[in-house]
Amino acid sequence: MGALERLRKDWFILGIVLVITAAKLQPDFGVKGGPLKPEITITYIAVSAIFFNSGLSLKTEFANRRLYATSSIFSRDFNQSCWWE
């Protein structure tokens, strides 16, 4: 296995090592109020991206059943709340 092929295979580990090295060299880049704005990017964007990515990995038949159940429950609860005073 050549070096380039090994790098392609282990690209994720290599990326983690590079990011950790960059953070060690420039720690003020990610501080609160810095150019990366971690109070916004981590709190909202990163969490949203993680949930979006995990939603994309769901199997289609599971997602279809879940959407149907959620919409049915929401419709039932919403309709009942409109009738009750």
Protein backbone atom coordinates (compact mmCIF):
# COMPACT_ATOMS: atom_id res chain seq x y z
CA MET A 1 0.00 0.00 0.00
CA GLY A 2 1.52 3.31 -1.08
CA ALA A 3 1.62 6.45 1.03
CA LEU A 4 -0.98 8.28 -1.09
CA GLU A 5 -3.35 5.33 -0.98
CA ARG A 6 -2.90 5.10 2.80
CA LEU A 7 -3.71 8.83 3.16
CA ARG A 8 -6.86 8.40 1.09
CA LYS A 9 -7.94 5.49 3.23
CA ASP A 10 -7.31 7.26 6.55
CA TRP A 11 -8.42 10.77 5.53
CA PHE A 12 -10.62 11.27 8.59
CA ILE A 13 -7.88 10.51 11.11
CA LEU A 14 -5.47 12.70 9.17
CA GLY A 15 -8.02 15.54 9.20
CA ILE A 16 -8.47 15.22 12.97
CA VAL A 17 -4.69 15.36 13.52
CA LEU A 18 -4.41 18.43 11.27
CA VAL A 19 -7.24 20.26 13.07
CA ILE A 20 -5.78 19.48 16.50
CA THR A 21 -2.35 20.68 15.33
CA ALA A 22 -3.84 23.89 13.94
CA ALA A 23 -5.70 24.47 17.23
CA LYS A 24 -2.46 23.98 19.16
CA LEU A 25 -0.64 26.49 16.95
CA GLN A 26 -3.42 29.14 16.88
CA PRO A 27 -5.55 28.75 20.04
CA ASP A 28 -6.89 32.33 19.92
CA PHE A 29 -8.75 31.55 16.66
CA GLY A 30 -11.48 29.66 18.50
CA VAL A 31 -11.80 31.67 21.72
CA LYS A 32 -15.08 33.29 22.69
CA GLY A 33 -15.45 36.49 20.66
CA GLY A 34 -12.75 35.40 18.17
CA PRO A 35 -13.09 35.21 14.40
CA LEU A 36 -14.69 31.75 14.52
CA LYS A 37 -17.48 32.97 16.86
CA PRO A 38 -17.89 29.65 18.74
CA GLU A 39 -20.79 30.99 20.78
CA ILE A 40 -22.83 31.02 17.55
CA THR A 41 -21.22 28.39 15.34
CA ILE A 42 -21.07 25.64 17.95
CA THR A 43 -24.37 26.43 19.63
CA TYR A 44 -26.50 26.63 16.51
CA ILE A 45 -24.75 25.68 13.30
CA ALA A 46 -22.75 22.65 14.47
CA VAL A 47 -25.64 21.14 16.42
CA SER A 48 -28.01 21.68 13.49
CA ALA A 49 -25.52 20.10 11.09
CA ILE A 50 -25.13 17.04 13.34
CA PHE A 51 -28.89 16.48 13.57
CA PHE A 52 -29.34 17.09 9.84
CA ASN A 53 -26.57 14.61 9.02
CA SER A 54 -28.03 11.97 11.32
CA GLY A 55 -31.44 12.51 9.72
CA LEU A 56 -29.96 11.91 6.29
CA SER A 57 -28.61 8.56 7.44
CA LEU A 58 -32.06 7.26 8.44
CA LYS A 59 -33.53 4.50 6.34
CA THR A 60 -36.35 5.72 4.12
CA GLU A 61 -39.01 3.32 5.40
CA PHE A 62 -38.32 4.34 9.00
CA ALA A 63 -38.47 8.02 8.11
CA ASN A 64 -41.77 7.58 6.26
CA ARG A 65 -43.39 5.82 9.22
CA ARG A 66 -42.03 8.40 11.64
CA LEU A 67 -43.31 11.32 9.55
CA TYR A 68 -46.72 9.72 9.24
CA ALA A 69 -46.95 9.06 12.99
CA THR A 70 -45.77 12.57 13.88
CA SER A 71 -48.22 14.25 11.53
CA SER A 72 -51.06 12.03 12.74
CA ILE A 73 -50.38 12.80 16.39
CA PHE A 74 -49.98 16.51 15.69
CA SER A 75 -53.25 16.62 13.72
CA ARG A 76 -55.13 14.72 16.41
CA ASP A 77 -53.80 16.89 19.25
CA PHE A 78 -54.29 20.12 17.32
CA ASN A 79 -57.87 19.22 16.42
CA GLN A 80 -58.73 18.29 20.01
CA SER A 81 -57.22 21.50 21.35
CA CYS A 82 -59.41 23.51 18.95
CA TRP A 83 -62.60 21.86 20.23
CA TRP A 84 -61.84 22.10 23.93
CA GLU A 85 -62.25 25.41 25.65
